[in-house]
PDB file of N, CA and C in Angstrom:
ATOM      1  N   MET A   1     -40.606 -30.697 -51.969  1.00  0.00           N
ATOM      2  CA  MET A   1     -39.990 -30.634 -50.651  1.00  0.00           C
ATOM      3  C   MET A   1     -40.951 -30.566 -49.569  1.00  0.00           C
ATOM      4  N   GLU A   2     -40.144 -31.850 -49.170  1.00  0.00           N
ATOM      5  CA  GLU A   2     -41.017 -32.084 -48.046  1.00  0.00           C
ATOM      6  C   GLU A   2     -40.527 -31.444 -46.527  1.00  0.00           C
ATOM      7  N   GLU A   3     -41.616 -30.820 -45.719  1.00  0.00           N
ATOM      8  CA  GLU A   3     -41.676 -30.016 -45.240  1.00  0.00           C
ATOM      9  C   GLU A   3     -41.746 -31.085 -43.753  1.00  0.00           C
ATOM     10  N   LYS A   4     -40.507 -31.258 -43.204  1.00  0.00           N
ATOM     11  CA  LYS A   4     -40.824 -31.567 -41.530  1.00  0.00           C
ATOM     12  C   LYS A   4     -41.566 -30.847 -40.682  1.00  0.00           C
ATOM     13  N   LYS A   5     -42.339 -31.582 -40.109  1.00  0.00           N
ATOM     14  CA  LYS A   5     -43.050 -30.675 -39.038  1.00  0.00           C
ATOM     15  C   LYS A   5     -42.524 -30.853 -37.547  1.00  0.00           C
ATOM     16  N   LEU A   6     -42.213 -29.970 -36.420  1.00  0.00           N
ATOM     17  CA  LEU A   6     -41.640 -30.098 -35.470  1.00  0.00           C
ATOM     18  C   LEU A   6     -42.733 -29.968 -34.258  1.00  0.00           C
ATOM     19  N   THR A   7     -42.784 -31.398 -33.517  1.00  0.00           N
ATOM     20  CA  THR A   7     -43.654 -31.524 -32.466  1.00  0.00           C
ATOM     21  C   THR A   7     -43.724 -30.488 -31.622  1.00  0.00           C
ATOM     22  N   GLU A   8     -44.462 -29.823 -30.659  1.00  0.00           N
ATOM     23  CA  GLU A   8     -44.421 -29.011 -29.885  1.00  0.00           C
ATOM     24  C   GLU A   8     -43.316 -29.228 -28.921  1.00  0.00           C
ATOM     25  N   GLN A   9     -43.196 -30.010 -28.465  1.00  0.00           N
ATOM     26  CA  GLN A   9     -42.080 -30.536 -27.615  1.00  0.00           C
ATOM     27  C   GLN A   9     -40.770 -30.065 -28.075  1.00  0.00           C
ATOM     28  N   GLU A  10     -40.144 -30.456 -29.962  1.00  0.00           N
ATOM     29  CA  GLU A  10     -39.752 -30.343 -30.342  1.00  0.00           C
ATOM     30  C   GLU A  10     -39.079 -28.406 -30.318  1.00  0.00           C
ATOM     31  N   ARG A  11     -39.925 -28.040 -30.989  1.00  0.00           N
ATOM     32  CA  ARG A  11     -40.191 -26.608 -30.932  1.00  0.00           C
ATOM     33  C   ARG A  11     -39.634 -25.717 -29.656  1.00  0.00           C
ATOM     34  N   GLN A  12     -39.869 -26.337 -28.447  1.00  0.00           N
ATOM     35  CA  GLN A  12     -39.863 -25.714 -27.030  1.00  0.00           C
ATOM     36  C   GLN A  12     -38.771 -25.953 -27.003  1.00  0.00           C
ATOM     37  N   ALA A  13     -37.694 -27.362 -27.375  1.00  0.00           N
ATOM     38  CA  ALA A  13     -36.495 -27.372 -26.775  1.00  0.00           C
ATOM     39  C   ALA A  13     -35.485 -26.969 -27.556  1.00  0.00           C
ATOM     40  N   ALA A  14     -35.891 -26.564 -29.001  1.00  0.00           N
ATOM     41  CA  ALA A  14     -34.926 -25.592 -29.882  1.00  0.00           C
ATOM     42  C   ALA A  14     -34.494 -24.575 -29.601  1.00  0.00           C
ATOM     43  N   VAL A  15     -35.360 -23.533 -29.079  1.00  0.00           N
ATOM     44  CA  VAL A  15     -35.252 -22.054 -28.688  1.00  0.00           C
ATOM     45  C   VAL A  15     -34.165 -21.842 -27.263  1.00  0.00           C
ATOM     46  N   PRO A  16     -35.045 -22.884 -26.541  1.00  0.00           N
ATOM     47  CA  PRO A  16     -33.643 -23.025 -24.950  1.00  0.00           C
ATOM     48  C   PRO A  16     -32.550 -22.873 -25.200  1.00  0.00           C
ATOM     49  N   TYR A  17     -32.140 -23.848 -26.227  1.00  0.00           N
ATOM     50  CA  TYR A  17     -30.842 -24.339 -26.697  1.00  0.00           C
ATOM     51  C   TYR A  17     -30.144 -22.842 -27.120  1.00  0.00           C
ATOM     52  N   PHE A  18     -30.601 -21.901 -27.833  1.00  0.00           N
ATOM     53  CA  PHE A  18     -30.280 -21.166 -28.406  1.00  0.00           C
ATOM     54  C   PHE A  18     -30.387 -19.573 -27.470  1.00  0.00           C
ATOM     55  N   ILE A  19     -30.956 -19.610 -27.006  1.00  0.00           N
ATOM     56  CA  ILE A  19     -30.988 -18.664 -25.314  1.00  0.00           C
ATOM     57  C   ILE A  19     -29.706 -19.379 -24.574  1.00  0.00           C
ATOM     58  N   HIS A  20     -29.616 -20.549 -23.989  1.00  0.00           N
ATOM     59  CA  HIS A  20     -29.011 -21.052 -23.134  1.00  0.00           C
ATOM     60  C   HIS A  20     -27.590 -20.837 -24.020  1.00  0.00           C
ATOM     61  N   GLU A  21     -27.422 -20.924 -25.183  1.00  0.00           N
ATOM     62  CA  GLU A  21     -26.136 -20.518 -26.172  1.00  0.00           C
ATOM     63  C   GLU A  21     -25.517 -19.234 -25.398  1.00  0.00           C
ATOM     64  N   GLY A  22     -26.705 -18.067 -25.839  1.00  0.00           N
ATOM     65  CA  GLY A  22     -26.658 -16.952 -25.805  1.00  0.00           C
ATOM     66  C   GLY A  22     -26.001 -16.510 -24.492  1.00  0.00           C
ATOM     67  N   ASP A  23     -26.750 -17.191 -23.275  1.00  0.00           N
ATOM     68  CA  ASP A  23     -26.385 -16.474 -21.862  1.00  0.00           C
ATOM     69  C   ASP A  23     -24.851 -17.365 -21.752  1.00  0.00           C
ATOM     70  N   MET A  24     -24.529 -18.223 -22.200  1.00  0.00           N
ATOM     71  CA  MET A  24     -23.260 -18.532 -21.812  1.00  0.00           C
ATOM     72  C   MET A  24     -22.062 -18.045 -22.899  1.00  0.00           C
ATOM     73  N   THR A  25     -22.467 -17.035 -24.028  1.00  0.00           N
ATOM     74  CA  THR A  25     -21.459 -16.136 -24.626  1.00  0.00           C
ATOM     75  C   THR A  25     -21.262 -15.321 -23.969  1.00  0.00           C
ATOM     76  N   ARG A  26     -22.350 -14.559 -23.293  1.00  0.00           N
ATOM     77  CA  ARG A  26     -22.250 -13.956 -22.077  1.00  0.00           C
ATOM     78  C   ARG A  26     -21.629 -13.941 -21.045  1.00  0.00           C
ATOM     79  N   MET A  27     -21.784 -14.931 -20.252  1.00  0.00           N
ATOM     80  CA  MET A  27     -21.461 -15.130 -19.151  1.00  0.00           C
ATOM     81  C   MET A  27     -19.393 -15.351 -19.669  1.00  0.00           C
ATOM     82  N   ASP A  28     -19.179 -16.010 -20.805  1.00  0.00           N
ATOM     83  CA  ASP A  28     -17.943 -16.313 -20.770  1.00  0.00           C
ATOM     84  C   ASP A  28     -17.605 -15.043 -21.008  1.00  0.00           C
ATOM     85  N   MET A  29     -17.954 -13.902 -21.853  1.00  0.00           N
ATOM     86  CA  MET A  29     -17.467 -12.514 -22.139  1.00  0.00           C
ATOM     87  C   MET A  29     -17.242 -12.001 -20.664  1.00  0.00           C
ATOM     88  N   ALA A  30     -18.252 -11.984 -19.485  1.00  0.00           N
ATOM     89  CA  ALA A  30     -18.520 -11.311 -18.237  1.00  0.00           C
ATOM     90  C   ALA A  30     -17.058 -12.020 -17.601  1.00  0.00           C
ATOM     91  N   MET A  31     -16.664 -13.326 -17.373  1.00  0.00           N
ATOM     92  CA  MET A  31     -15.631 -13.700 -16.698  1.00  0.00           C
ATOM     93  C   MET A  31     -14.091 -12.873 -17.464  1.00  0.00           C
ATOM     94  N   ASP A  32     -14.366 -12.786 -18.832  1.00  0.00           N
ATOM     95  CA  ASP A  32     -13.237 -12.575 -19.553  1.00  0.00           C
ATOM     96  C   ASP A  32     -12.691 -11.455 -18.848  1.00  0.00           C
ATOM     97  N   LYS A  33     -13.673 -10.500 -18.699  1.00  0.00           N
ATOM     98  CA  LYS A  33     -13.572  -9.091 -18.099  1.00  0.00           C
ATOM     99  C   LYS A  33     -13.296  -9.156 -17.035  1.00  0.00           C
ATOM    100  N   LEU A  34     -13.730  -9.982 -16.130  1.00  0.00           N
ATOM    101  CA  LEU A  34     -13.452 -10.257 -14.548  1.00  0.00           C
ATOM    102  C   LEU A  34     -12.268 -10.396 -14.275  1.00  0.00           C
ATOM    103  N   LEU A  35     -11.916 -11.582 -14.930  1.00  0.00           N
ATOM    104  CA  LEU A  35     -10.504 -11.881 -14.844  1.00  0.00           C
ATOM    105  C   LEU A  35      -9.439 -11.142 -15.372  1.00  0.00           C
ATOM    106  N   THR A  36      -9.605 -10.000 -16.583  1.00  0.00           N
ATOM    107  CA  THR A  36      -8.817  -8.913 -16.428  1.00  0.00           C
ATOM    108  C   THR A  36      -8.742  -7.870 -15.441  1.00  0.00           C
ATOM    109  N   ALA A  37      -9.648  -7.617 -15.186  1.00  0.00           N
ATOM    110  CA  ALA A  37     -10.161  -6.560 -13.754  1.00  0.00           C
ATOM    111  C   ALA A  37      -9.281  -7.642 -12.721  1.00  0.00           C
ATOM    112  N   ASN A  38      -9.073  -8.502 -12.395  1.00  0.00           N
ATOM    113  CA  ASN A  38      -8.778  -8.859 -11.488  1.00  0.00           C
ATOM    114  C   ASN A  38      -7.088  -8.764 -11.670  1.00  0.00           C
ATOM    115  N   LYS A  39      -6.628  -9.222 -12.544  1.00  0.00           N
ATOM    116  CA  LYS A  39      -4.936  -9.094 -13.320  1.00  0.00           C
ATOM    117  C   LYS A  39      -4.793  -7.739 -12.837  1.00  0.00           C
ATOM    118  N   HIS A  40      -5.488  -7.069 -13.333  1.00  0.00           N
ATOM    119  CA  HIS A  40      -5.165  -5.096 -13.075  1.00  0.00           C
ATOM    120  C   HIS A  40      -5.466  -5.106 -11.151  1.00  0.00           C
ATOM    121  N   MET A  41      -6.226  -5.336 -10.527  1.00  0.00           N
ATOM    122  CA  MET A  41      -6.302  -5.419  -9.254  1.00  0.00           C
ATOM    123  C   MET A  41      -4.848  -6.025  -8.545  1.00  0.00           C
ATOM    124  N   ARG A  42      -4.894  -7.392  -8.836  1.00  0.00           N
ATOM    125  CA  ARG A  42      -3.741  -7.722  -8.066  1.00  0.00           C
ATOM    126  C   ARG A  42      -2.294  -6.717  -8.394  1.00  0.00           C
ATOM    127  N   ASP A  43      -2.432  -6.033  -9.623  1.00  0.00           N
ATOM    128  CA  ASP A  43      -0.799  -5.502 -10.140  1.00  0.00           C
ATOM    129  C   ASP A  43      -0.887  -4.315  -9.069  1.00  0.00           C
ATOM    130  N   ALA A  44      -2.018  -3.660  -9.251  1.00  0.00           N
ATOM    131  CA  ALA A  44      -2.277  -2.844  -8.465  1.00  0.00           C
ATOM    132  C   ALA A  44      -2.009  -2.730  -7.113  1.00  0.00           C
ATOM    133  N   VAL A  45      -2.158  -3.825  -6.344  1.00  0.00           N
ATOM    134  CA  VAL A  45      -2.135  -4.249  -4.856  1.00  0.00           C
ATOM    135  C   VAL A  45      -0.706  -4.514  -4.811  1.00  0.00           C
ATOM    136  N   ARG A  46      -0.058  -5.472  -5.844  1.00  0.00           N
ATOM    137  CA  ARG A  46       1.207  -5.188  -5.688  1.00  0.00           C
ATOM    138  C   ARG A  46       2.115  -4.170  -5.407  1.00  0.00           C
ATOM    139  N   LEU A  47       2.017  -3.067  -6.559  1.00  0.00           N
ATOM    140  CA  LEU A  47       2.612  -1.919  -6.728  1.00  0.00           C
ATOM    141  C   LEU A  47       2.465  -1.295  -5.397  1.00  0.00           C
ATOM    142  N   VAL A  48       1.153  -1.429  -4.634  1.00  0.00           N
ATOM    143  CA  VAL A  48       1.055  -0.482  -3.850  1.00  0.00           C
ATOM    144  C   VAL A  48       1.745  -1.059  -2.528  1.00  0.00           C
ATOM    145  N   CYS A  49       2.183  -2.054  -2.400  1.00  0.00           N
ATOM    146  CA  CYS A  49       2.932  -3.367  -1.467  1.00  0.00           C
ATOM    147  C   CYS A  49       3.991  -2.784  -1.493  1.00  0.00           C
ATOM    148  N   PHE A  50       4.672  -2.981  -2.536  1.00  0.00           N
ATOM    149  CA  PHE A  50       5.860  -2.513  -2.875  1.00  0.00           C
ATOM    150  C   PHE A  50       6.361  -1.297  -2.545  1.00  0.00           C
ATOM    151  N   THR A  51       5.482  -0.299  -3.210  1.00  0.00           N
ATOM    152  CA  THR A  51       5.663   1.505  -2.745  1.00  0.00           C
ATOM    153  C   THR A  51       5.879   1.661  -0.905  1.00  0.00           C
ATOM    154  N   LEU A  52       4.714   0.975  -0.417  1.00  0.00           N
ATOM    155  CA  LEU A  52       4.942   0.637   1.172  1.00  0.00           C
ATOM    156  C   LEU A  52       6.274   0.437   1.671  1.00  0.00           C
ATOM    157  N   ILE A  53       6.606  -0.853   0.842  1.00  0.00           N
ATOM    158  CA  ILE A  53       8.061  -1.240   1.967  1.00  0.00           C
ATOM    159  C   ILE A  53       9.147  -0.063   1.250  1.00  0.00           C
ATOM    160  N   VAL A  54       8.926  -0.123  -0.012  1.00  0.00           N
ATOM    161  CA  VAL A  54       9.987   0.900   0.052  1.00  0.00           C
ATOM    162  C   VAL A  54      10.126   2.173   0.401  1.00  0.00           C
ATOM    163  N   VAL A  55       9.027   2.848   1.056  1.00  0.00           N
ATOM    164  CA  VAL A  55       8.764   4.211   1.957  1.00  0.00           C
ATOM    165  C   VAL A  55       9.193   3.103   3.208  1.00  0.00           C
ATOM    166  N   VAL A  56       9.077   2.512   3.790  1.00  0.00           N
ATOM    167  CA  VAL A  56       9.122   2.436   4.958  1.00  0.00           C
ATOM    168  C   VAL A  56      11.085   1.761   5.132  1.00  0.00           C
ATOM    169  N   LEU A  57      11.672   1.509   4.297  1.00  0.00           N
ATOM    170  CA  LEU A  57      13.044   1.260   4.175  1.00  0.00           C
ATOM    171  C   LEU A  57      13.581   2.335   4.033  1.00  0.00           C
ATOM    172  N   LEU A  58      13.311   3.743   3.058  1.00  0.00           N
ATOM    173  CA  LEU A  58      13.718   4.964   3.227  1.00  0.00           C
ATOM    174  C   LEU A  58      13.613   5.338   4.589  1.00  0.00           C
ATOM    175  N   PHE A  59      12.505   5.613   5.440  1.00  0.00           N
ATOM    176  CA  PHE A  59      12.202   5.595   6.687  1.00  0.00           C
ATOM    177  C   PHE A  59      13.375   5.471   7.210  1.00  0.00           C
ATOM    178  N   VAL A  60      13.343   4.167   7.677  1.00  0.00           N
ATOM    179  CA  VAL A  60      14.439   3.230   8.660  1.00  0.00           C
ATOM    180  C   VAL A  60      15.732   3.851   8.401  1.00  0.00           C
ATOM    181  N   VAL A  61      16.196   3.760   7.002  1.00  0.00           N
ATOM    182  CA  VAL A  61      17.937   4.165   6.565  1.00  0.00           C
ATOM    183  C   VAL A  61      17.886   5.516   6.817  1.00  0.00           C
ATOM    184  N   GLY A  62      16.750   6.640   6.561  1.00  0.00           N
ATOM    185  CA  GLY A  62      17.250   7.778   6.771  1.00  0.00           C
ATOM    186  C   GLY A  62      17.076   8.617   8.279  1.00  0.00           C
ATOM    187  N   TYR A  63      16.094   7.733   9.132  1.00  0.00           N
ATOM    188  CA  TYR A  63      16.204   7.798  10.688  1.00  0.00           C
ATOM    189  C   TYR A  63      17.700   7.233  11.279  1.00  0.00           C
ATOM    190  N   THR A  64      17.929   6.010  10.778  1.00  0.00           N
ATOM    191  CA  THR A  64      19.030   5.624  10.866  1.00  0.00           C
ATOM    192  C   THR A  64      20.649   6.790  10.728  1.00  0.00           C
ATOM    193  N   ILE A  65      20.660   6.818   9.865  1.00  0.00           N
ATOM    194  CA  ILE A  65      21.260   7.723   9.411  1.00  0.00           C
ATOM    195  C   ILE A  65      21.701   9.291  10.097  1.00  0.00           C
ATOM    196  N   ASN A  66      20.184   9.558  10.179  1.00  0.00           N
ATOM    197  CA  ASN A  66      20.255  10.834  11.388  1.00  0.00           C
ATOM    198  C   ASN A  66      20.161  10.719  12.981  1.00  0.00           C
ATOM    199  N   ASN A  67      19.886   9.645  13.272  1.00  0.00           N
ATOM    200  CA  ASN A  67      20.650   9.435  14.355  1.00  0.00           C
ATOM    201  C   ASN A  67      21.840   8.959  14.929  1.00  0.00           C
ATOM    202  N   SER A  68      22.668   8.777  13.936  1.00  0.00           N
ATOM    203  CA  SER A  68      23.933   8.123  14.106  1.00  0.00           C
ATOM    204  C   SER A  68      24.385   9.665  14.007  1.00  0.00           C
ATOM    205  N   ASN A  69      24.275  10.630  12.807  1.00  0.00           N
ATOM    206  CA  ASN A  69      24.532  12.074  13.050  1.00  0.00           C
ATOM    207  C   ASN A  69      24.450  12.718  14.237  1.00  0.00           C
ATOM    208  N   TRP A  70      23.355  12.701  14.634  1.00  0.00           N
ATOM    209  CA  TRP A  70      23.145  13.426  16.104  1.00  0.00           C
ATOM    210  C   TRP A  70      24.085  12.933  17.193  1.00  0.00           C
ATOM    211  N   ILE A  71      24.288  11.546  17.310  1.00  0.00           N
ATOM    212  CA  ILE A  71      24.919  11.038  18.103  1.00  0.00           C
ATOM    213  C   ILE A  71      26.365  11.488  18.341  1.00  0.00           C
ATOM    214  N   LYS A  72      26.874  11.426  16.994  1.00  0.00           N
ATOM    215  CA  LYS A  72      28.180  12.084  16.835  1.00  0.00           C
ATOM    216  C   LYS A  72      28.361  13.116  16.938  1.00  0.00           C
ATOM    217  N   TYR A  73      27.314  14.512  16.926  1.00  0.00           N
ATOM    218  CA  TYR A  73      27.421  15.764  17.196  1.00  0.00           C
ATOM    219  C   TYR A  73      27.285  15.789  19.196  1.00  0.00           C
ATOM    220  N   ALA A  74      26.268  14.835  19.433  1.00  0.00           N
ATOM    221  CA  ALA A  74      26.421  15.009  20.681  1.00  0.00           C
ATOM    222  C   ALA A  74      27.409  14.679  21.413  1.00  0.00           C
ATOM    223  N   GLU A  75      28.360  13.848  20.851  1.00  0.00           N
ATOM    224  CA  GLU A  75      29.713  13.219  21.264  1.00  0.00           C
ATOM    225  C   GLU A  75      30.896  14.489  21.263  1.00  0.00           C
ATOM    226  N   THR A  76      30.269  15.182  19.526  1.00  0.00           N
ATOM    227  CA  THR A  76      31.442  16.374  19.812  1.00  0.00           C
ATOM    228  C   THR A  76      31.605  17.197  20.494  1.00  0.00           C
ATOM    229  N   LEU A  77      30.052  17.964  21.328  1.00  0.00           N
ATOM    230  CA  LEU A  77      30.125  18.500  22.526  1.00  0.00           C
ATOM    231  C   LEU A  77      30.567  17.965  23.655  1.00  0.00           C
ATOM    232  N   GLN A  78      30.065  16.936  23.989  1.00  0.00           N
ATOM    233  CA  GLN A  78      30.506  16.269  25.081  1.00  0.00           C
ATOM    234  C   GLN A  78      32.129  16.344  24.987  1.00  0.00           C
ATOM    235  N   ALA A  79      32.876  16.643  24.150  1.00  0.00           N
ATOM    236  CA  ALA A  79      34.442  16.262  24.283  1.00  0.00           C
ATOM    237  C   ALA A  79      34.708  17.482  24.397  1.00  0.00           C
ATOM    238  N   GLU A  80      34.048  18.635  23.959  1.00  0.00           N
ATOM    239  CA  GLU A  80      34.524  20.190  24.322  1.00  0.00           C
ATOM    240  C   GLU A  80      34.280  20.679  25.120  1.00  0.00           C
ATOM    241  N   GLY A  81      33.483  19.891  25.880  1.00  0.00           N
ATOM    242  CA  GLY A  81      33.055  20.101  27.720  1.00  0.00           C
ATOM    243  C   GLY A  81      31.551  21.111  28.050  1.00  0.00           C
ATOM    244  N   ALA A  82      30.901  20.282  28.869  1.00  0.00           N
ATOM    245  CA  ALA A  82      29.589  20.758  29.064  1.00  0.00           C
ATOM    246  C   ALA A  82      29.568  22.151  29.348  1.00  0.00           C
ATOM    247  N   ASP A  83      30.887  23.029  29.842  1.00  0.00           N
ATOM    248  CA  ASP A  83      30.809  23.701  31.086  1.00  0.00           C
ATOM    249  C   ASP A  83      30.884  25.377  29.759  1.00  0.00           C
ATOM    250  N   HIS A  84      31.915  24.699  28.540  1.00  0.00           N
ATOM    251  CA  HIS A  84      32.644  25.659  27.672  1.00  0.00           C
ATOM    252  C   HIS A  84      31.653  26.565  26.643  1.00  0.00           C
ATOM    253  N   GLY A  85      30.525  26.144  26.373  1.00  0.00           N
ATOM    254  CA  GLY A  85      29.384  26.819  25.627  1.00  0.00           C
ATOM    255  C   GLY A  85      28.437  27.685  26.862  1.00  0.00           C
ATOM    256  N   ASP A  86      28.154  27.599  27.985  1.00  0.00           N
ATOM    257  CA  ASP A  86      27.764  28.368  29.051  1.00  0.00           C
ATOM    258  C   ASP A  86      28.729  29.476  29.220  1.00  0.00           C
ATOM    259  N   GLN A  87      29.814  29.389  29.587  1.00  0.00           N
ATOM    260  CA  GLN A  87      30.791  30.626  29.978  1.00  0.00           C
ATOM    261  C   GLN A  87      30.479  31.605  28.511  1.00  0.00           C
ATOM    262  N   GLU A  88      30.402  30.956  27.496  1.00  0.00           N
ATOM    263  CA  GLU A  88      30.227  31.968  26.231  1.00  0.00           C
ATOM    264  C   GLU A  88      29.216  32.563  25.852  1.00  0.00           C
ATOM    265  N   THR A  89      28.503  31.857  26.578  1.00  0.00           N
ATOM    266  CA  THR A  89      26.877  32.781  26.359  1.00  0.00           C
ATOM    267  C   THR A  89      26.187  33.428  27.427  1.00  0.00           C
ATOM    268  N   GLY A  90      26.999  33.427  28.759  1.00  0.00           N
ATOM    269  CA  GLY A  90      26.819  34.087  29.925  1.00  0.00           C
ATOM    270  C   GLY A  90      25.641  33.267  30.376  1.00  0.00           C
ATOM    271  N   ILE A  91      25.040  32.048  30.256  1.00  0.00           N
ATOM    272  CA  ILE A  91      23.806  31.810  30.297  1.00  0.00           C
ATOM    273  C   ILE A  91      24.240  30.415  31.519  1.00  0.00           C
ATOM    274  N   TYR A  92      23.630  30.748  32.836  1.00  0.00           N
ATOM    275  CA  TYR A  92      24.191  29.745  33.674  1.00  0.00           C
ATOM    276  C   TYR A  92      23.186  29.071  34.689  1.00  0.00           C
ATOM    277  N   GLN A  93      22.983  28.185  35.112  1.00  0.00           N
ATOM    278  CA  GLN A  93      21.869  26.998  35.433  1.00  0.00           C
ATOM    279  C   GLN A  93      21.999  27.801  37.207  1.00  0.00           C
ATOM    280  N   LEU A  94      20.806  28.107  37.474  1.00  0.00           N
ATOM    281  CA  LEU A  94      20.927  28.246  39.233  1.00  0.00           C
ATOM    282  C   LEU A  94      20.473  26.891  40.190  1.00  0.00           C
ATOM    283  N   PRO A  95      20.900  26.600  40.955  1.00  0.00           N
ATOM    284  CA  PRO A  95      21.154  25.228  41.912  1.00  0.00           C
ATOM    285  C   PRO A  95      19.824  25.389  42.293  1.00  0.00           C
ATOM    286  N   ASP A  96      18.957  24.076  42.512  1.00  0.00           N
ATOM    287  CA  ASP A  96      17.633  24.117  43.051  1.00  0.00           C
ATOM    288  C   ASP A  96      17.717  24.562  44.439  1.00  0.00           C
ATOM    289  N   SER A  97      16.353  25.697  44.799  1.00  0.00           N
ATOM    290  CA  SER A  97      16.439  25.754  46.285  1.00  0.00           C
ATOM    291  C   SER A  97      15.594  25.118  46.770  1.00  0.00           C
ATOM    292  N   GLY A  98      14.943  24.319  45.794  1.00  0.00           N
ATOM    293  CA  GLY A  98      14.207  23.208  46.638  1.00  0.00           C
ATOM    294  C   GLY A  98      12.476  23.593  47.302  1.00  0.00           C
ATOM    295  N   ILE A  99      11.892  25.011  46.618  1.00  0.00           N
ATOM    296  CA  ILE A  99      11.347  25.487  47.236  1.00  0.00           C
ATOM    297  C   ILE A  99      10.058  26.017  46.070  1.00  0.00           C
ATOM    298  N   ASP A 100       9.017  25.691  46.105  1.00  0.00           N
ATOM    299  CA  ASP A 100       8.499  25.585  44.359  1.00  0.00           C
ATOM    300  C   ASP A 100       7.882  26.783  44.698  1.00  0.00           C
ATOM    301  N   PRO A 101       7.584  27.678  43.503  1.00  0.00           N
ATOM    302  CA  PRO A 101       7.110  28.910  43.592  1.00  0.00           C
ATOM    303  C   PRO A 101       5.647  29.144  43.739  1.00  0.00           C
TER     304      PRO A 101
END
């Protein structure tokens, strides 16, 4: 068998090819991990945004219902008469004398 002797330039060219392929393989693996991590990050951001929107909506609905109930309660108190409660408890407001203590 005849051994083919590589010249110095051919030997130098052969080694960087394998190094380059190894680097490219590692970069491909790193990019796959990065894409997976980015997908998880996007999912987490979407979940946080969705949760925030739901919480804000619940707050607005709860505030609206509470405000509506409070207005109904205030209207029923006004319908009963403003002085009615004062007479039962014996609490009366004194007129303002205009003199500050």
